[in-house]
Amino acid sequence: MILLNLLAAPLGLIIWTSLAFIIVLVLLKKLAWKPILNTLQERNDFIDKSLKSAEEAKVQMSQLKSDNEKLLAEARVEREKMLKEARETKESIIAEAKKTASAEGERLVNSAREEIEKEKAKAMSDIKTQVAALSIDIAEKVLRSELSNKDKQAEIVEEHLKQSQLS
């Protein structure tokens, strides 16, 4: 029964309590809930905006990464191309230098051969001239000794005449 008395409240108390609750509820609705709900909505919007920004940043990072990889690949291709051109240029320069050196060497060898041939021809000409001069000297000495004798002279003249008539 005591428990029932505690639960049974006078009607005036219930009305005043209800009225106070409704007033507090209206005041909270007008003064507190709107700012609280606005703050919660702003925070929710900020979180959504941050998530969208993070997603956009992630997409941009992915795109930048793929762009960087593309640039790196292009740079590697360009580097390989430049190295290939440098190797080709080096090989071309070496081949040209070898060709030039070979041509120069061949020209020097040919020039030396020509010089040797000229010197050889000159030496042969000098030898022929000396042999001819020696031959003439020897022939002159032989003829002097032969022609010093009158009988021998007549015999040589006759012999030459016979040879020239036979020819």
Protein backbone atom coordinates (compact mmCIF):
# COMPACT_ATOMS: atom_id res chain seq x y z
CA MET A 1 0.00 0.00 0.00
CA ILE A 2 2.79 2.32 0.73
CA LEU A 3 4.11 1.45 -2.62
CA LEU A 4 0.79 2.38 -4.15
CA ASN A 5 0.80 5.67 -2.32
CA LEU A 6 4.19 6.46 -3.72
CA LEU A 7 3.02 5.72 -7.21
CA ALA A 8 -0.17 7.62 -6.89
CA ALA A 9 0.73 11.22 -7.39
CA PRO A 10 -1.67 14.09 -6.93
CA LEU A 11 -3.16 15.43 -10.13
CA GLY A 12 -1.79 18.92 -9.63
CA LEU A 13 1.72 17.57 -9.37
CA ILE A 14 1.33 15.62 -12.59
CA ILE A 15 0.02 18.69 -14.44
CA TRP A 16 2.75 20.99 -13.17
CA THR A 17 5.43 18.42 -13.88
CA SER A 18 4.03 17.83 -17.36
CA LEU A 19 3.80 21.56 -17.97
CA ALA A 20 7.40 22.06 -16.80
CA PHE A 21 8.54 19.17 -19.00
CA ILE A 22 6.77 20.63 -22.06
CA ILE A 23 8.28 24.08 -21.39
CA VAL A 24 11.75 22.60 -21.00
CA LEU A 25 11.14 20.54 -24.14
CA VAL A 26 10.04 23.62 -26.15
CA LEU A 27 12.96 25.68 -24.82
CA LEU A 28 15.41 22.90 -25.65
CA LYS A 29 13.89 22.57 -29.11
CA LYS A 30 14.12 26.29 -29.82
CA LEU A 31 17.41 27.06 -28.13
CA ALA A 32 19.55 23.92 -27.93
CA TRP A 33 18.50 21.26 -30.42
CA LYS A 34 18.72 23.47 -33.47
CA PRO A 35 22.33 24.53 -32.75
CA ILE A 36 23.23 20.98 -31.70
CA LEU A 37 21.62 19.52 -34.84
CA ASN A 38 23.25 22.23 -36.99
CA THR A 39 26.63 21.46 -35.43
CA LEU A 40 26.09 17.73 -36.00
CA GLN A 41 25.02 18.41 -39.60
CA GLU A 42 28.03 20.67 -40.19
CA ARG A 43 30.32 18.03 -38.75
CA ASN A 44 28.66 15.37 -40.91
CA ASP A 45 29.05 17.62 -43.99
CA PHE A 46 32.69 18.29 -43.07
CA ILE A 47 33.36 14.56 -42.70
CA ASP A 48 31.65 13.85 -46.05
CA LYS A 49 33.63 16.67 -47.68
CA SER A 50 36.87 15.35 -46.14
CA LEU A 51 36.11 11.84 -47.37
CA LYS A 52 35.42 13.17 -50.87
CA SER A 53 38.63 15.22 -50.76
CA ALA A 54 40.55 12.18 -49.59
CA GLU A 55 39.06 10.09 -52.42
CA GLU A 56 39.89 12.81 -54.94
CA ALA A 57 43.42 13.03 -53.53
CA LYS A 58 43.72 9.27 -53.79
CA VAL A 59 42.56 9.38 -57.44
CA GLN A 60 44.96 12.26 -58.14
CA MET A 61 47.82 10.41 -56.46
CA SER A 62 47.03 7.35 -58.52
CA GLN A 63 46.96 9.45 -61.67
CA LEU A 64 50.21 11.21 -60.68
CA LYS A 65 51.80 7.86 -60.00
CA SER A 66 50.78 6.55 -63.42
CA ASP A 67 51.96 9.81 -65.01
CA ASN A 68 55.29 9.50 -63.17
CA GLU A 69 55.66 5.91 -64.32
CA LYS A 70 54.89 7.01 -67.88
CA LEU A 71 57.46 9.80 -67.62
CA LEU A 72 60.03 7.40 -66.20
CA ALA A 73 59.36 4.94 -69.02
CA GLU A 74 59.69 7.73 -71.58
CA ALA A 75 62.89 8.93 -69.91
CA ARG A 76 64.29 5.38 -70.02
CA VAL A 77 63.37 5.08 -73.69
CA GLU A 78 64.93 8.46 -74.41
CA ARG A 79 68.07 7.51 -72.46
CA GLU A 80 68.36 4.24 -74.37
CA LYS A 81 67.85 6.10 -77.64
CA MET A 82 70.56 8.61 -76.71
CA LEU A 83 72.95 5.84 -75.66
CA LYS A 84 72.27 3.98 -78.90
CA GLU A 85 72.92 7.14 -80.93
CA ALA A 86 76.11 7.77 -78.95
CA ARG A 87 77.28 4.19 -79.59
CA GLU A 88 76.46 4.51 -83.30
CA THR A 89 78.26 7.84 -83.47
CA LYS A 90 81.27 6.37 -81.67
CA GLU A 91 81.34 3.38 -84.01
CA SER A 92 80.93 5.66 -87.02
CA ILE A 93 83.79 7.88 -85.86
CA ILE A 94 85.99 4.85 -85.20
CA ALA A 95 85.13 3.33 -88.59
CA GLU A 96 85.80 6.66 -90.32
CA ALA A 97 89.12 7.01 -88.46
CA LYS A 98 90.11 3.47 -89.45
CA LYS A 99 89.10 4.14 -93.04
CA THR A 100 91.05 7.39 -93.08
CA ALA A 101 94.06 5.77 -91.44
CA SER A 102 93.90 2.86 -93.89
CA ALA A 103 93.64 5.23 -96.86
CA GLU A 104 96.50 7.34 -95.51
CA GLY A 105 98.60 4.23 -94.89
CA GLU A 106 97.85 2.95 -98.38
CA ARG A 107 98.71 6.36 -99.84
CA LEU A 108 102.00 6.39 -97.92
CA VAL A 109 102.81 2.84 -99.05
CA ASN A 110 102.01 3.72 -102.67
CA SER A 111 104.04 6.91 -102.40
CA ALA A 112 106.96 4.93 -100.93
CA ARG A 113 106.66 2.35 -103.73
CA GLU A 114 106.64 5.08 -106.36
CA GLU A 115 109.66 6.69 -104.72
CA ILE A 116 111.41 3.31 -104.60
CA GLU A 117 110.59 2.71 -108.28
CA LYS A 118 111.91 6.18 -109.18
CA GLU A 119 115.07 5.60 -107.19
CA LYS A 120 115.42 2.15 -108.73
CA ALA A 121 114.95 3.54 -112.25
CA LYS A 122 117.43 6.32 -111.49
CA ALA A 123 119.93 3.80 -110.09
CA MET A 124 119.46 1.56 -113.14
CA SER A 125 119.93 4.58 -115.41
CA ASP A 126 123.07 5.55 -113.52
CA ILE A 127 124.35 1.96 -113.66
CA LYS A 128 123.61 1.79 -117.41
CA THR A 129 125.38 5.09 -117.93
CA GLN A 130 128.38 3.90 -115.92
CA VAL A 131 128.39 0.52 -117.70
CA ALA A 132 128.18 2.28 -121.06
CA ALA A 133 130.99 4.64 -120.10
CA LEU A 134 133.07 1.70 -118.83
CA SER A 135 132.26 -0.27 -121.97
CA ILE A 136 133.31 2.62 -124.15
CA ASP A 137 136.50 3.07 -122.16
CA ILE A 138 137.27 -0.64 -122.37
CA ALA A 139 136.40 -0.74 -126.07
CA GLU A 140 138.54 2.31 -126.70
CA LYS A 141 141.49 0.78 -124.88
CA VAL A 142 141.01 -2.52 -126.68
CA LEU A 143 140.69 -0.79 -130.02
CA ARG A 144 143.76 1.32 -129.36
CA SER A 145 145.72 -1.71 -128.55
CA GLU A 146 144.28 -3.54 -131.53
CA LEU A 147 144.51 -0.64 -133.91
CA SER A 148 148.00 0.26 -132.94
CA ASN A 149 149.08 -2.52 -135.23
CA LYS A 150 148.48 -1.70 -138.99
CA ASP A 151 147.95 -5.30 -140.02
CA LYS A 152 145.40 -5.82 -137.35
CA GLN A 153 143.53 -2.71 -138.50
CA ALA A 154 143.26 -3.94 -142.04
CA GLU A 155 142.12 -7.35 -140.85
CA ILE A 156 139.37 -5.85 -138.62
CA VAL A 157 138.14 -3.59 -141.45
CA GLU A 158 137.90 -6.53 -143.84
CA GLU A 159 136.13 -8.63 -141.28
CA HIS A 160 133.53 -5.91 -140.68
CA LEU A 161 133.04 -5.43 -144.38
CA LYS A 162 132.42 -9.13 -144.87
CA GLN A 163 129.92 -9.15 -142.01
CA SER A 164 128.05 -6.16 -143.34
CA GLN A 165 127.92 -7.64 -146.88
CA LEU A 166 126.55 -10.89 -145.49
CA SER A 167 123.89 -9.14 -143.51
